[in-house]
């Protein structure tokens, strides 16, 4: 098995601003991305479905009311450039009261949603809380969107998410989040995940949280360290904790984690978490790992060592 892992064919995925290799047969799913407070999702659909979606969104927003009983829909802004086309909806204005030094002040927030299309992919940008002045910023962000088919690796620098790429230049002080989840059909108890979050506040590094873990302190005999300590991946320093765990039901499984030491609002040093776990059974019931310690370590090292920055040619 260890030799099979060593020669295992791999495929490369682009996640945020990084690349990572996973087994070629892996089943991969992406979590919706978030950039500067906008939730971004993407899917493949027909031109007819995209048109129907926009028509239905307009009709729905025209039928809804805002805080003061007015029509929820305020603007429809057409979006079109060489790469995509679609519409941006401004709706659901809310008036929010606050007090500053005893003086009542009122601010207004809006919701925005854009459906845009490039080739066969529809992209949704949505935020419930924005200001009127933020709408041009969203239009600029959308103008930097590029289609990315399947697991294709972009030839331009930027931020990768499912089926899409936001090309540079992007402000360094905006928040960026995306994540992937990986499974292997031949090992249904195994799960792999990688998340990357620029803009997150890291209150305690993984090593400190592990030292303070009350569960491990109480049930120390159930946790067996296979490797633990500082480790740099993709030029980013972090902490690694690799354990075999004896569950109360008698099953033996693995919990592997690497977490970066991040620097807030530095795209080159986001908060990254890489995990590999075994022993996932049906309905959350732990089962014995389908990998031995040596096999789990070999697979972990093959995947984790491949993490690298995305440097287009």
Foldseek 3Di string as FASTA:
>chain_A
DLVCLVPFDWDWFAAFQKIFIDGPQKDKDKDFKAKQQKTKDKDFDDPVVLVVVQVVVVVVQQPDAAPVGHRFWDDWDWADDPFKTWIKTKGRKDWDWDADPNRIDIDIFIKMWIWMDGDRMIMIIIHGGDHPVCVVVVSVQVVQKHFDPDRDADLAGATDGPRIGRGDDDQLQMKIKMKMKIDHPVARQKIKMKMWIAQDDDPDAPVVCVVVPVVCVVVVVQKDWPDWDWDDEQNFIWIKTKIWGQDPVGAIKIKIKIWTDADHSGSSGTTMMIIMIGQQDPPRDGHHGPDDPSNVVSNCCNGRNRMHGRDRD
